[in-house]
Amino acid sequence: MDATVKRRWVEALRSGEYPQAKGWLRSNGLSGLGFCCLGVLCDLRSPTGWEEENGSFMGEHDFPPPVVATWAGLNFEQQKVVAEMNDNGKSFAEIADYIEKKL
């Protein structure tokens, strides 16, 4: 994984600026706007890449588009692991710890 992107992503996950959500890169549910950990990564890459009409990022709902994955240096298996952590109830802090140690 790209070291600069990794540092920025870990900082963003720990910042408290992104409410955590499950199942989508970004969602606007009953409790307001939320992001999965990969949605935070997308927002770091391009805060204006969100399509308001359907809430997707550059047309994607579940995983970042290839441009984001390439920028971050993440393969699909790595994305899948952190997405599963997010959707199975791990906090952003726990996911940030994993990213620091394993990616």
N, C-alpha and C. Protein backbone atom coordinates (compact mmCIF):
# COMPACT_ATOMS: atom_id res chain seq x y z
N MET A 1 0.84 -1.17 0.00
CA MET A 1 0.00 0.00 0.00
C MET A 1 0.88 1.23 0.00
N ASP A 2 0.46 2.27 -0.70
CA ASP A 2 1.19 3.53 -0.73
C ASP A 2 1.27 4.12 0.68
N ALA A 3 2.47 4.44 1.13
CA ALA A 3 2.69 4.89 2.52
C ALA A 3 1.98 6.21 2.83
N THR A 4 1.97 7.14 1.89
CA THR A 4 1.32 8.43 2.12
C THR A 4 -0.18 8.27 2.22
N VAL A 5 -0.75 7.50 1.32
CA VAL A 5 -2.20 7.25 1.36
C VAL A 5 -2.56 6.51 2.64
N LYS A 6 -1.76 5.54 3.00
CA LYS A 6 -2.00 4.78 4.23
C LYS A 6 -2.06 5.71 5.45
N ARG A 7 -1.07 6.59 5.57
CA ARG A 7 -1.04 7.53 6.69
C ARG A 7 -2.29 8.41 6.71
N ARG A 8 -2.66 8.95 5.54
CA ARG A 8 -3.84 9.81 5.46
C ARG A 8 -5.12 9.06 5.81
N TRP A 9 -5.21 7.82 5.32
CA TRP A 9 -6.41 7.01 5.57
C TRP A 9 -6.55 6.68 7.04
N VAL A 10 -5.47 6.26 7.67
CA VAL A 10 -5.49 5.94 9.10
C VAL A 10 -5.85 7.18 9.91
N GLU A 11 -5.27 8.32 9.58
CA GLU A 11 -5.61 9.56 10.28
C GLU A 11 -7.08 9.90 10.13
N ALA A 12 -7.61 9.76 8.92
CA ALA A 12 -9.02 10.08 8.67
C ALA A 12 -9.94 9.13 9.44
N LEU A 13 -9.60 7.85 9.48
CA LEU A 13 -10.43 6.89 10.22
C LEU A 13 -10.45 7.20 11.71
N ARG A 14 -9.36 7.71 12.23
CA ARG A 14 -9.28 8.02 13.66
C ARG A 14 -9.74 9.43 14.00
N SER A 15 -9.99 10.25 13.01
CA SER A 15 -10.28 11.67 13.22
C SER A 15 -11.62 11.96 13.87
N GLY A 16 -12.57 11.07 13.74
CA GLY A 16 -13.91 11.33 14.23
C GLY A 16 -14.74 12.17 13.27
N GLU A 17 -14.17 12.54 12.14
CA GLU A 17 -14.88 13.37 11.16
C GLU A 17 -15.81 12.56 10.26
N TYR A 18 -15.64 11.24 10.24
CA TYR A 18 -16.44 10.38 9.37
C TYR A 18 -17.29 9.45 10.22
N PRO A 19 -18.61 9.63 10.21
CA PRO A 19 -19.48 8.68 10.90
C PRO A 19 -19.44 7.33 10.17
N GLN A 20 -19.39 6.25 10.92
CA GLN A 20 -19.27 4.93 10.32
C GLN A 20 -20.63 4.38 9.92
N ALA A 21 -20.68 3.75 8.75
CA ALA A 21 -21.88 3.08 8.24
C ALA A 21 -21.47 1.73 7.67
N LYS A 22 -22.43 0.91 7.34
CA LYS A 22 -22.17 -0.43 6.81
C LYS A 22 -22.86 -0.61 5.46
N GLY A 23 -22.29 -1.50 4.65
CA GLY A 23 -22.96 -1.96 3.46
C GLY A 23 -22.76 -1.13 2.19
N TRP A 24 -22.43 0.11 2.32
CA TRP A 24 -22.24 1.00 1.18
C TRP A 24 -21.00 1.84 1.40
N LEU A 25 -20.40 2.33 0.33
CA LEU A 25 -19.27 3.24 0.48
C LEU A 25 -19.68 4.48 1.27
N ARG A 26 -20.85 5.00 0.93
CA ARG A 26 -21.41 6.14 1.65
C ARG A 26 -22.92 6.00 1.64
N SER A 27 -23.54 6.30 2.76
CA SER A 27 -24.99 6.19 2.84
C SER A 27 -25.55 7.38 3.60
N ASN A 28 -26.79 7.66 3.33
CA ASN A 28 -27.48 8.73 4.03
C ASN A 28 -28.71 8.12 4.68
N GLY A 29 -28.50 7.48 5.82
CA GLY A 29 -29.56 6.76 6.50
C GLY A 29 -30.29 7.62 7.52
N LEU A 30 -31.03 6.96 8.38
CA LEU A 30 -31.82 7.65 9.40
C LEU A 30 -30.96 8.49 10.33
N SER A 31 -29.75 8.03 10.60
CA SER A 31 -28.87 8.78 11.51
C SER A 31 -27.98 9.77 10.77
N GLY A 32 -28.22 9.96 9.48
CA GLY A 32 -27.44 10.93 8.71
C GLY A 32 -26.40 10.27 7.84
N LEU A 33 -25.52 11.07 7.34
CA LEU A 33 -24.48 10.62 6.42
C LEU A 33 -23.48 9.72 7.12
N GLY A 34 -23.12 8.61 6.49
CA GLY A 34 -22.15 7.69 7.04
C GLY A 34 -21.28 7.10 5.94
N PHE A 35 -20.14 6.58 6.34
CA PHE A 35 -19.17 6.02 5.40
C PHE A 35 -18.70 4.66 5.90
N CYS A 36 -18.42 3.76 4.96
CA CYS A 36 -17.66 2.57 5.35
C CYS A 36 -16.18 2.98 5.27
N CYS A 37 -15.30 2.14 5.75
CA CYS A 37 -13.88 2.50 5.75
C CYS A 37 -13.36 2.74 4.33
N LEU A 38 -13.87 2.01 3.34
CA LEU A 38 -13.45 2.22 1.96
C LEU A 38 -14.06 3.50 1.38
N GLY A 39 -15.22 3.89 1.89
CA GLY A 39 -15.82 5.17 1.50
C GLY A 39 -14.97 6.33 1.98
N VAL A 40 -14.37 6.19 3.15
CA VAL A 40 -13.45 7.23 3.65
C VAL A 40 -12.27 7.35 2.70
N LEU A 41 -11.75 6.23 2.25
CA LEU A 41 -10.64 6.24 1.29
C LEU A 41 -11.05 6.95 0.00
N CYS A 42 -12.24 6.66 -0.50
CA CYS A 42 -12.74 7.33 -1.70
C CYS A 42 -12.84 8.83 -1.49
N ASP A 43 -13.36 9.23 -0.33
CA ASP A 43 -13.53 10.65 -0.04
C ASP A 43 -12.18 11.36 0.02
N LEU A 44 -11.16 10.68 0.53
CA LEU A 44 -9.82 11.26 0.55
C LEU A 44 -9.29 11.46 -0.86
N ARG A 45 -9.56 10.52 -1.74
CA ARG A 45 -9.07 10.59 -3.12
C ARG A 45 -9.76 11.71 -3.89
N SER A 46 -11.07 11.83 -3.70
CA SER A 46 -11.82 12.83 -4.46
C SER A 46 -13.13 13.16 -3.75
N PRO A 47 -13.12 14.18 -2.89
CA PRO A 47 -14.34 14.52 -2.15
C PRO A 47 -15.51 14.91 -3.06
N THR A 48 -15.23 15.22 -4.31
CA THR A 48 -16.30 15.61 -5.23
C THR A 48 -16.69 14.46 -6.16
N GLY A 49 -16.21 13.24 -5.90
CA GLY A 49 -16.51 12.10 -6.75
C GLY A 49 -17.83 11.42 -6.47
N TRP A 50 -18.56 11.92 -5.49
CA TRP A 50 -19.83 11.29 -5.11
C TRP A 50 -20.93 11.72 -6.05
N GLU A 51 -21.76 10.78 -6.46
CA GLU A 51 -22.92 11.05 -7.30
C GLU A 51 -24.13 11.16 -6.40
N GLU A 52 -24.61 12.37 -6.22
CA GLU A 52 -25.68 12.63 -5.26
C GLU A 52 -26.96 11.86 -5.57
N GLU A 53 -27.24 11.66 -6.85
CA GLU A 53 -28.50 11.02 -7.22
C GLU A 53 -28.63 9.61 -6.64
N ASN A 54 -27.55 8.85 -6.67
CA ASN A 54 -27.65 7.48 -6.18
C ASN A 54 -26.69 7.18 -5.03
N GLY A 55 -25.93 8.18 -4.57
CA GLY A 55 -25.05 8.01 -3.43
C GLY A 55 -23.82 7.18 -3.69
N SER A 56 -23.53 6.91 -4.95
CA SER A 56 -22.35 6.10 -5.26
C SER A 56 -21.13 6.97 -5.48
N PHE A 57 -19.98 6.35 -5.49
CA PHE A 57 -18.74 7.05 -5.76
C PHE A 57 -18.29 6.65 -7.16
N MET A 58 -18.33 7.63 -8.05
CA MET A 58 -17.95 7.38 -9.45
C MET A 58 -18.65 6.13 -9.98
N GLY A 59 -19.90 5.94 -9.58
CA GLY A 59 -20.71 4.83 -10.07
C GLY A 59 -20.63 3.55 -9.25
N GLU A 60 -19.78 3.52 -8.24
CA GLU A 60 -19.61 2.29 -7.44
C GLU A 60 -20.30 2.43 -6.09
N HIS A 61 -20.86 1.32 -5.61
CA HIS A 61 -21.53 1.31 -4.31
C HIS A 61 -20.77 0.53 -3.24
N ASP A 62 -20.20 -0.62 -3.61
CA ASP A 62 -19.64 -1.53 -2.61
C ASP A 62 -18.13 -1.44 -2.46
N PHE A 63 -17.42 -1.26 -3.56
CA PHE A 63 -15.96 -1.20 -3.53
C PHE A 63 -15.50 0.00 -4.34
N PRO A 64 -14.36 0.56 -3.99
CA PRO A 64 -13.86 1.71 -4.73
C PRO A 64 -13.62 1.37 -6.20
N PRO A 65 -13.77 2.35 -7.07
CA PRO A 65 -13.44 2.11 -8.47
C PRO A 65 -11.94 1.87 -8.62
N PRO A 66 -11.53 1.27 -9.73
CA PRO A 66 -10.10 0.97 -9.93
C PRO A 66 -9.17 2.15 -9.74
N VAL A 67 -9.60 3.35 -10.10
CA VAL A 67 -8.71 4.51 -9.96
C VAL A 67 -8.34 4.75 -8.49
N VAL A 68 -9.25 4.52 -7.59
CA VAL A 68 -8.98 4.71 -6.16
C VAL A 68 -8.11 3.57 -5.63
N ALA A 69 -8.43 2.35 -6.01
CA ALA A 69 -7.64 1.20 -5.56
C ALA A 69 -6.19 1.31 -6.05
N THR A 70 -6.01 1.72 -7.29
CA THR A 70 -4.67 1.89 -7.84
C THR A 70 -3.93 3.00 -7.12
N TRP A 71 -4.58 4.12 -6.88
CA TRP A 71 -3.99 5.26 -6.17
C TRP A 71 -3.52 4.84 -4.78
N ALA A 72 -4.33 4.03 -4.11
CA ALA A 72 -4.00 3.59 -2.75
C ALA A 72 -3.03 2.41 -2.74
N GLY A 73 -2.96 1.69 -3.82
CA GLY A 73 -2.12 0.50 -3.85
C GLY A 73 -2.75 -0.68 -3.15
N LEU A 74 -4.08 -0.80 -3.26
CA LEU A 74 -4.82 -1.89 -2.61
C LEU A 74 -5.31 -2.88 -3.64
N ASN A 75 -5.10 -4.16 -3.38
CA ASN A 75 -5.69 -5.16 -4.26
C ASN A 75 -7.09 -5.52 -3.75
N PHE A 76 -7.81 -6.32 -4.53
CA PHE A 76 -9.19 -6.63 -4.18
C PHE A 76 -9.29 -7.40 -2.87
N GLU A 77 -8.38 -8.33 -2.63
CA GLU A 77 -8.43 -9.10 -1.38
C GLU A 77 -8.27 -8.20 -0.16
N GLN A 78 -7.36 -7.24 -0.24
CA GLN A 78 -7.17 -6.30 0.88
C GLN A 78 -8.43 -5.46 1.10
N GLN A 79 -9.05 -5.02 0.01
CA GLN A 79 -10.29 -4.26 0.13
C GLN A 79 -11.39 -5.10 0.77
N LYS A 80 -11.46 -6.35 0.36
CA LYS A 80 -12.47 -7.25 0.88
C LYS A 80 -12.31 -7.47 2.39
N VAL A 81 -11.08 -7.62 2.84
CA VAL A 81 -10.82 -7.83 4.27
C VAL A 81 -11.30 -6.63 5.10
N VAL A 82 -10.92 -5.42 4.70
CA VAL A 82 -11.32 -4.25 5.50
C VAL A 82 -12.82 -3.98 5.38
N ALA A 83 -13.42 -4.28 4.22
CA ALA A 83 -14.87 -4.12 4.07
C ALA A 83 -15.61 -5.07 5.00
N GLU A 84 -15.14 -6.31 5.09
CA GLU A 84 -15.76 -7.28 5.99
C GLU A 84 -15.59 -6.88 7.45
N MET A 85 -14.42 -6.35 7.80
CA MET A 85 -14.21 -5.86 9.16
C MET A 85 -15.24 -4.77 9.46
N ASN A 86 -15.38 -3.83 8.54
CA ASN A 86 -16.31 -2.72 8.71
C ASN A 86 -17.74 -3.24 8.89
N ASP A 87 -18.17 -4.10 7.98
CA ASP A 87 -19.55 -4.56 7.98
C ASP A 87 -19.85 -5.56 9.09
N ASN A 88 -18.82 -6.13 9.69
CA ASN A 88 -19.00 -7.06 10.81
C ASN A 88 -18.82 -6.40 12.17
N GLY A 89 -18.81 -5.06 12.19
CA GLY A 89 -18.86 -4.35 13.47
C GLY A 89 -17.55 -3.85 14.04
N LYS A 90 -16.43 -4.01 13.33
CA LYS A 90 -15.17 -3.44 13.83
C LYS A 90 -15.25 -1.92 13.71
N SER A 91 -14.73 -1.23 14.70
CA SER A 91 -14.73 0.24 14.68
C SER A 91 -13.68 0.77 13.70
N PHE A 92 -13.81 2.03 13.34
CA PHE A 92 -12.79 2.65 12.50
C PHE A 92 -11.42 2.59 13.18
N ALA A 93 -11.37 2.73 14.49
CA ALA A 93 -10.09 2.66 15.20
C ALA A 93 -9.47 1.27 15.06
N GLU A 94 -10.28 0.23 15.17
CA GLU A 94 -9.77 -1.13 15.02
C GLU A 94 -9.30 -1.38 13.58
N ILE A 95 -10.04 -0.85 12.62
CA ILE A 95 -9.66 -1.00 11.22
C ILE A 95 -8.37 -0.23 10.95
N ALA A 96 -8.24 0.96 11.52
CA ALA A 96 -7.01 1.75 11.36
C ALA A 96 -5.81 1.00 11.93
N ASP A 97 -5.99 0.35 13.07
CA ASP A 97 -4.91 -0.46 13.65
C ASP A 97 -4.49 -1.58 12.70
N TYR A 98 -5.49 -2.24 12.11
CA TYR A 98 -5.21 -3.32 11.16
C TYR A 98 -4.43 -2.78 9.95
N ILE A 99 -4.90 -1.67 9.41
CA ILE A 99 -4.24 -1.07 8.23
C ILE A 99 -2.80 -0.74 8.54
N GLU A 100 -2.56 -0.16 9.71
CA GLU A 100 -1.17 0.18 10.10
C GLU A 100 -0.29 -1.05 10.18
N LYS A 101 -0.80 -2.12 10.73
CA LYS A 101 0.02 -3.31 10.99
C LYS A 101 0.12 -4.27 9.80
N LYS A 102 -0.94 -4.36 9.00
CA LYS A 102 -1.01 -5.43 8.00
C LYS A 102 -0.93 -4.96 6.55
N LEU A 103 -1.21 -3.69 6.28
CA LEU A 103 -1.22 -3.26 4.88
C LEU A 103 -0.03 -2.37 4.56
